[in-house]
Every structure is written in C-alpha cells, then in structure tokens.
Protein backbone atom coordinates (compact mmCIF):
# COMPACT_ATOMS: atom_id res chain seq x y z
CA MET A 1 -1.87 33.26 -4.47
CA ARG A 2 -2.85 36.88 -4.01
CA ASP A 3 -4.47 37.74 -0.71
CA LEU A 4 -8.24 37.67 -1.20
CA LYS A 5 -9.18 38.60 2.36
CA ILE A 6 -10.55 42.02 1.50
CA PRO A 7 -12.32 43.79 4.39
CA GLY A 8 -16.07 43.95 3.87
CA GLU A 9 -16.00 41.57 0.92
CA ARG A 10 -16.56 37.98 1.93
CA HIS A 11 -16.45 36.39 -1.52
CA PRO A 12 -14.25 38.54 -3.78
CA GLU A 13 -13.59 35.58 -6.07
CA LYS A 14 -17.31 35.50 -6.85
CA ALA A 15 -17.76 39.26 -7.23
CA HIS A 16 -17.81 39.21 -11.02
CA ARG A 17 -20.13 36.23 -11.36
CA PRO A 18 -23.58 37.05 -12.71
CA ASP A 19 -26.37 37.16 -10.16
CA ASN A 20 -28.56 34.09 -9.85
CA ALA A 21 -32.10 34.74 -8.68
CA GLN A 22 -32.84 33.26 -5.27
CA PRO A 23 -36.25 31.57 -5.49
CA LYS A 24 -38.74 31.67 -2.64
CA LYS A 25 -38.36 28.69 -0.33
CA PRO A 26 -41.26 26.23 -0.29
CA ASP A 27 -43.46 25.62 2.74
CA TRP A 28 -41.59 22.45 3.73
CA ILE A 29 -38.36 24.36 4.44
CA ARG A 30 -38.97 26.01 7.79
CA VAL A 31 -36.34 26.68 10.46
CA ARG A 32 -36.49 28.15 13.92
CA ALA A 33 -34.80 31.51 14.44
CA PRO A 34 -31.72 31.32 16.70
CA GLY A 35 -32.38 32.19 20.34
CA GLY A 36 -32.85 30.96 23.88
CA LYS A 37 -30.52 30.14 26.75
CA GLY A 38 -29.01 27.02 25.17
CA TYR A 39 -28.13 28.96 22.03
CA ALA A 40 -26.60 31.80 24.06
CA ASP A 41 -24.59 29.41 26.24
CA THR A 42 -23.17 27.57 23.23
CA ARG A 43 -22.29 30.83 21.51
CA LYS A 44 -20.58 32.08 24.67
CA ILE A 45 -18.38 28.97 24.92
CA MET A 46 -17.43 29.25 21.24
CA ARG A 47 -16.45 32.90 21.68
CA GLU A 48 -14.55 32.33 24.94
CA HIS A 49 -12.42 29.68 23.21
CA ASN A 50 -11.96 31.71 20.03
CA LEU A 51 -13.39 28.88 17.96
CA THR A 52 -14.92 28.94 14.49
CA THR A 53 -18.00 26.88 13.68
CA VAL A 54 -19.15 25.75 10.27
CA CYS A 55 -22.67 26.41 11.58
CA GLU A 56 -22.00 30.14 11.26
CA GLU A 57 -19.46 30.22 8.46
CA ALA A 58 -21.56 28.12 6.08
CA GLY A 59 -24.84 29.73 7.11
CA CYS A 60 -26.42 26.44 8.20
CA PRO A 61 -30.22 26.65 8.48
CA ASN A 62 -30.21 24.38 11.55
CA VAL A 63 -27.97 26.56 13.74
CA GLY A 64 -30.83 27.65 16.00
CA GLU A 65 -31.98 24.11 16.75
CA CYS A 66 -28.50 22.64 17.18
CA TRP A 67 -27.00 25.41 19.31
CA SER A 68 -30.07 25.48 21.53
CA ALA A 69 -29.35 21.81 22.25
CA GLY A 70 -25.67 22.55 22.93
CA HIS A 71 -24.42 21.03 19.67
CA ALA A 72 -21.96 22.79 17.37
CA THR A 73 -19.67 21.64 14.57
CA MET A 74 -16.14 22.91 15.20
CA MET A 75 -14.28 24.22 12.14
CA ILE A 76 -10.53 24.04 12.63
CA MET A 77 -7.57 25.54 10.74
CA GLY A 78 -9.13 28.97 10.33
CA GLU A 79 -12.14 30.46 8.59
CA VAL A 80 -10.57 31.07 5.16
CA CYS A 81 -10.53 28.30 2.55
CA THR A 82 -8.11 27.87 -0.35
CA ARG A 83 -10.92 26.60 -2.61
CA GLY A 84 -13.73 28.57 -4.26
CA CYS A 85 -16.63 26.10 -4.58
CA THR A 86 -19.63 27.85 -6.08
CA PHE A 87 -22.09 26.51 -3.49
CA CYS A 88 -20.11 27.38 -0.37
CA ASN A 89 -20.49 30.38 1.94
CA VAL A 90 -17.06 30.01 3.57
CA ALA A 91 -14.64 32.81 2.60
CA THR A 92 -11.92 32.05 0.04
CA GLY A 93 -8.40 33.47 0.24
CA ARG A 94 -5.00 33.06 1.84
CA PRO A 95 -5.41 31.42 5.27
CA ASP A 96 -3.45 32.36 8.37
CA THR A 97 -0.80 30.08 9.84
CA LEU A 98 -2.08 27.20 11.93
CA ASP A 99 -2.78 27.90 15.59
CA VAL A 100 -0.92 25.26 17.59
CA PHE A 101 -3.15 25.88 20.62
CA GLU A 102 -6.40 25.27 18.72
CA PRO A 103 -6.63 21.49 19.40
CA GLY A 104 -6.55 22.17 23.14
CA ARG A 105 -9.20 24.88 22.90
CA VAL A 106 -11.48 22.56 20.89
CA ALA A 107 -11.04 19.83 23.49
CA ASP A 108 -11.79 22.24 26.34
CA ALA A 109 -14.96 23.45 24.61
CA VAL A 110 -16.11 19.86 24.01
CA GLN A 111 -15.66 19.12 27.69
CA LYS A 112 -17.49 22.28 28.83
CA LEU A 113 -20.39 21.62 26.45
CA GLY A 114 -20.63 18.08 27.82
CA LEU A 115 -20.90 16.60 24.34
CA ASN A 116 -21.56 12.90 23.86
CA HIS A 117 -20.61 13.28 20.19
CA VAL A 118 -18.63 16.02 18.45
CA VAL A 119 -18.18 16.84 14.77
CA ILE A 120 -14.91 18.47 13.72
CA THR A 121 -14.49 19.84 10.23
CA SER A 122 -12.15 22.26 8.47
CA VAL A 123 -11.57 24.49 5.52
CA ASP A 124 -9.42 23.18 2.67
CA ARG A 125 -5.76 23.99 3.30
CA ASP A 126 -4.01 23.42 -0.03
CA ASP A 127 -1.26 25.74 1.25
CA LEU A 128 -0.08 23.10 3.75
CA GLU A 129 2.13 20.20 2.72
CA ASP A 130 -0.05 17.69 4.55
CA GLY A 131 -3.34 19.54 3.98
CA GLY A 132 -3.74 19.83 7.76
CA ALA A 133 -3.74 16.08 8.42
CA GLU A 134 -1.51 16.33 11.50
CA HIS A 135 -3.64 19.18 12.89
CA PHE A 136 -6.72 16.97 12.57
CA ALA A 137 -4.88 14.16 14.36
CA GLN A 138 -3.75 16.47 17.17
CA THR A 139 -7.31 17.73 17.64
CA ILE A 140 -8.70 14.19 17.81
CA ARG A 141 -6.07 13.20 20.38
CA ALA A 142 -6.73 16.33 22.47
CA VAL A 143 -10.48 15.62 22.59
CA ARG A 144 -9.81 11.98 23.51
CA HIS A 145 -7.60 13.15 26.40
CA ARG A 146 -9.95 15.86 27.71
CA ALA A 147 -13.29 14.16 27.02
CA PRO A 148 -12.67 10.40 26.80
CA GLY A 149 -16.37 9.58 26.74
CA THR A 150 -17.08 11.71 23.67
CA THR A 151 -17.31 10.01 20.29
CA ILE A 152 -15.59 11.90 17.48
CA GLU A 153 -16.75 12.46 13.93
CA ILE A 154 -14.50 14.29 11.48
CA LEU A 155 -15.49 15.89 8.19
CA THR A 156 -12.28 16.31 6.24
CA PRO A 157 -11.12 17.97 3.03
CA ASP A 158 -9.93 15.77 0.18
CA PHE A 159 -6.14 16.16 0.70
CA LEU A 160 -5.96 16.29 -3.10
CA LYS A 161 -2.55 17.91 -3.37
CA CYS A 162 -0.87 15.85 -0.65
CA ASP A 163 1.04 12.61 -0.53
CA PRO A 164 -1.54 9.80 -0.10
CA SER A 165 0.16 8.75 3.14
CA VAL A 166 -1.21 11.79 5.00
CA LEU A 167 -4.56 10.01 5.23
CA GLU A 168 -2.94 7.39 7.46
CA THR A 169 -2.03 10.15 9.94
CA VAL A 170 -5.68 11.08 10.37
CA VAL A 171 -7.05 7.53 10.51
CA ALA A 172 -4.35 6.47 13.01
CA ALA A 173 -5.79 9.03 15.47
CA LYS A 174 -8.90 6.79 15.58
CA PRO A 175 -11.92 8.98 14.86
CA ASP A 176 -15.17 7.10 15.30
CA VAL A 177 -16.61 8.43 12.03
CA PHE A 178 -14.66 9.62 8.99
CA ASN A 179 -16.81 11.84 6.78
CA HIS A 180 -15.83 13.34 3.45
CA ASN A 181 -18.59 14.80 1.31
CA LEU A 182 -18.83 14.24 -2.43
CA GLU A 183 -21.21 17.25 -2.44
CA THR A 184 -22.74 16.61 -5.88
CA VAL A 185 -22.88 14.26 -8.85
CA PRO A 186 -19.70 13.95 -10.99
CA GLY A 187 -21.21 15.73 -14.00
CA LEU A 188 -21.56 18.95 -11.98
CA TYR A 189 -18.06 19.04 -10.47
CA THR A 190 -16.62 21.52 -12.96
CA GLU A 191 -19.23 24.15 -12.07
CA VAL A 192 -19.97 23.30 -8.44
CA ARG A 193 -16.70 21.93 -7.02
CA PRO A 194 -14.05 22.89 -9.61
CA GLY A 195 -11.04 22.43 -7.33
CA ALA A 196 -11.92 18.83 -6.46
CA ARG A 197 -12.00 15.49 -8.27
CA TYR A 198 -14.94 13.11 -7.83
CA PHE A 199 -13.04 9.84 -8.15
CA HIS A 200 -10.24 11.08 -5.89
CA SER A 201 -12.83 11.72 -3.17
CA LEU A 202 -14.34 8.28 -3.69
CA ARG A 203 -10.93 6.67 -3.43
CA LEU A 204 -10.21 8.63 -0.24
CA LEU A 205 -13.28 7.12 1.42
CA GLN A 206 -12.37 3.66 0.19
CA ARG A 207 -8.83 3.95 1.55
CA VAL A 208 -10.09 4.88 5.02
CA LYS A 209 -11.80 1.49 5.20
CA GLU A 210 -8.70 -0.25 3.88
CA ILE A 211 -6.55 1.39 6.55
CA ASP A 212 -8.97 0.72 9.42
CA PRO A 213 -12.17 -1.26 8.72
CA SER A 214 -13.52 -0.42 12.19
CA VAL A 215 -13.94 3.29 11.34
CA PHE A 216 -17.41 4.24 10.13
CA THR A 217 -17.32 6.14 6.83
CA LYS A 218 -19.84 8.73 5.75
CA SER A 219 -20.45 11.00 2.77
CA GLY A 220 -23.13 13.37 1.58
CA ILE A 221 -24.46 15.27 -1.39
CA MET A 222 -26.74 18.23 -1.97
CA VAL A 223 -29.63 18.06 -4.41
CA GLY A 224 -31.30 20.86 -6.31
CA LEU A 225 -28.11 21.88 -8.11
CA GLY A 226 -29.23 20.54 -11.50
CA GLU A 227 -28.65 16.81 -11.04
CA GLU A 228 -31.03 14.12 -12.29
CA ARG A 229 -32.31 11.19 -10.23
CA PRO A 230 -30.31 8.52 -12.17
CA GLN A 231 -27.13 10.47 -11.38
CA VAL A 232 -27.96 10.46 -7.66
CA LEU A 233 -28.58 6.72 -7.77
CA GLN A 234 -25.20 6.24 -9.45
CA VAL A 235 -23.51 8.18 -6.64
CA MET A 236 -25.17 5.79 -4.18
CA ASP A 237 -23.74 2.83 -6.10
CA ASP A 238 -20.29 4.43 -6.18
CA LEU A 239 -20.34 5.05 -2.42
CA ARG A 240 -21.40 1.50 -1.67
CA ALA A 241 -18.62 0.21 -3.94
CA ALA A 242 -16.27 2.23 -1.71
CA ASP A 243 -17.84 0.52 1.35
CA VAL A 244 -19.28 3.76 2.76
CA ASP A 245 -21.64 3.15 5.70
CA PHE A 246 -23.69 6.33 5.94
CA MET A 247 -25.06 8.67 3.27
CA THR A 248 -26.68 12.08 3.75
CA ILE A 249 -28.76 13.94 1.16
CA GLY A 250 -30.01 17.47 1.72
CA GLN A 251 -31.47 20.39 -0.19
CA TYR A 252 -29.01 22.95 -1.55
CA LEU A 253 -29.86 26.47 -0.36
CA GLN A 254 -28.19 29.35 -2.18
CA PRO A 255 -26.21 31.60 0.21
CA THR A 256 -26.11 34.73 -2.01
CA PRO A 257 -27.06 35.73 -5.58
CA LYS A 258 -23.40 35.20 -6.56
CA HIS A 259 -23.48 31.52 -5.63
CA HIS A 260 -24.66 28.60 -7.73
CA ALA A 261 -28.36 28.84 -8.51
CA VAL A 262 -30.98 26.59 -6.95
CA ARG A 263 -32.29 24.64 -9.93
CA LYS A 264 -35.01 22.83 -8.01
CA PHE A 265 -36.55 22.42 -4.58
CA VAL A 266 -36.73 18.67 -4.10
CA THR A 267 -39.97 17.57 -2.42
CA PRO A 268 -40.13 15.59 0.84
CA GLU A 269 -41.64 12.72 -1.16
CA GLU A 270 -38.62 12.68 -3.48
CA PHE A 271 -36.30 12.66 -0.46
CA ALA A 272 -38.22 9.71 0.97
CA GLY A 273 -37.69 7.93 -2.34
CA TYR A 274 -33.94 8.60 -2.19
CA GLU A 275 -33.82 7.26 1.38
CA LYS A 276 -35.61 4.07 0.38
CA SER A 277 -33.29 3.55 -2.60
CA ALA A 278 -30.17 4.14 -0.49
CA TYR A 279 -31.23 1.63 2.17
CA GLY A 280 -31.99 -0.82 -0.61
CA LYS A 281 -28.41 -0.48 -1.82
CA GLY A 282 -27.02 -1.51 1.56
CA PHE A 283 -26.14 1.62 3.55
CA LEU A 284 -26.22 1.15 7.31
CA MET A 285 -27.64 4.65 7.79
CA VAL A 286 -29.29 7.20 5.50
CA SER A 287 -30.48 10.71 6.25
CA ALA A 288 -32.38 12.26 3.34
CA THR A 289 -34.55 15.30 4.10
CA PRO A 290 -34.66 18.90 2.86
CA LEU A 291 -32.82 20.15 5.96
CA THR A 292 -30.33 17.28 6.27
CA ARG A 293 -26.75 18.49 6.67
CA SER A 294 -23.59 16.49 7.35
CA SER A 295 -23.62 17.05 11.10
CA TYR A 296 -27.35 17.54 11.71
CA HIS A 297 -28.43 15.16 14.51
CA ALA A 298 -24.99 13.56 14.20
CA GLY A 299 -24.93 12.25 17.76
CA ASP A 300 -28.27 10.45 17.49
CA ASP A 301 -27.34 9.19 14.04
CA PHE A 302 -24.06 7.78 15.34
CA ALA A 303 -25.88 5.72 17.97
CA ARG A 304 -28.22 4.36 15.30
CA LEU A 305 -25.26 3.70 13.00
CA ARG A 306 -23.49 1.67 15.67
CA ASP A 307 -26.65 -0.29 16.44
CA ALA A 308 -27.17 -0.99 12.73
CA ARG A 309 -23.68 -2.43 12.39
CA GLU A 310 -24.15 -4.67 15.42
CA ALA A 311 -27.50 -5.89 14.10
CA ARG A 312 -26.00 -6.68 10.69
CA LEU A 313 -23.06 -8.52 12.23
CA ALA A 314 -25.43 -10.54 14.41
CA THR A 315 -27.31 -11.79 11.36
CA ALA A 316 -24.25 -12.33 9.16
C-alpha cells in the first residue's frame, strides 16, 4: 500500500469524491461545547500518556460531556486505519509499527482517571498478521493488573483477514464486554463499509459467545445513511440470532463534505420506536437516541446490563 499519510490532508483517499451537502442539524441534536476542569484534566492525562482517543479522532459529538466527567475511549494501535469507510473521520493510510509500551500507558491512564469502566477500541490493522489481537489482549491484561476494580469493554475491528483463531486470543483475556459494530444495514455495506463483510461481523459476535458465554456482547449501527426501517429490524433479528446482548442505534453525522451524505435525520420518536422493537426482540440492553454512540454512558449501561442479566436468570 502506498503511504497515504500526507501532511495537512487527513483523508486523501476521499479527496476525489464529490462533495455531499451537509444539512443543518435539527433542534433535537444539541451538544455542549468542550470545556471545564474535568475536560482539561482528562485531556492532560491523555496527552501525558501519549494516548489517542476515538473521541477526538472520530469527532464524537459527546466529547465535551464525557471528558468533563473523566470518561474517554482509548484508541490503541495508532491513529491511522487501513480501511477507508465512507462514514468515518479516522485517517486512512499506512500505520506505524505497534508501540509495545502502549498497553502499560493505557493502564496507567485508567488508574489515574479512577475509571470504574473503560472502553478500549482501535483502528483496523489489516497490515498485522493477527489484526492486533495480541495487542488487545496485552492491553486488557495490563488494565486488569493496574486497575483490578475497573470493568473493561473492548470495541474491536473485524479481524477479517486473519486466522479465525485470533479471536480466541482476545476473548481469553476476559474483557467484560466485547463490542463489534455492524455500523449499517447489509444493503449499504458496499458504499458505507466497503472493506468489511456483514455476515463475517455477525459470525464474529456469535463466536465470542461460543468461546465464552459469560462475556457480554454488544453491537451498534448508525441510522440516517439511507436505510429503511424494515432493514433495521432485520439487523435486530440477525443480532439476536447471534445471541448479542446489547444494541446501540445512533444518528449518523457527516464529518466532512467528502464523507457519506446524511440521507435523513431520524426523529426522537423514531428512535423510541426502534428501542421498543429491540427490547421486544429480547436484547438485555438497548440505547437508541440521536446522540447514542458505542461508548456513550458505557459505564452506567454496563451496570444496567449486568442487572438485566441477573434479573433474567432469576426468572428463568
């Protein structure tokens, strides 16, 4: 692969795409501007430990709220992805070599932030034989050692080009929650997530449960990309068939005019309808709001997820 990390050009692979108009956001999408002592303290710890966060790299609208509360989603294995998904604001190109000291720095930051729950994600690393599976496992083990009271949620790539056994390496490290996002309905994969395969991702989630049934599984999609409601309901059915516990649904927000267009702003009432349908299909937890993101309120959601499992087991 040619090196696409061109100074001053974050998304060179999208440079020749036609511009898509960015529509005005509706009144129900409102976020607080970043600021305050909590935000500054979190940012300082991230910088001191030379850590990347998906909050910044993906342009998450909730960064102000989450960082002010001392919550941040760590993004390991660099800030350059080997994929070029049309919705994503993370840079595409040739990543650097893995930093063997990164797991320790993540663990130290988790301890200093005093996190009860941490979310660890990564870029796709198709350049690595194991897709970064061992690096994920090392990071989980480092956090367990440094902050034994912290629950760990991971949001992984699909390991599409790896031997299937690499998944066992990650699951054996015993994360509390294994999240892998489907991102969109299968009919939109070729234009939204061209480097991925819908049924491979479904099977990945199913295999996590087969390897260790005690691990909570989680997946999410964005809406507003051009999908129809029956397609979203089918994704729910597919996830439940894969025994996924927790589903998130959030509004897609276009990062730049070169990214996939927003086809629709889904109303809060429509999100409430999706939440009701998902619970009706048997998910333990559902988060479906315009500003829902994979790791938004993840700590509180994990506590509710655990309680929901215990309640279901008690009535079984």
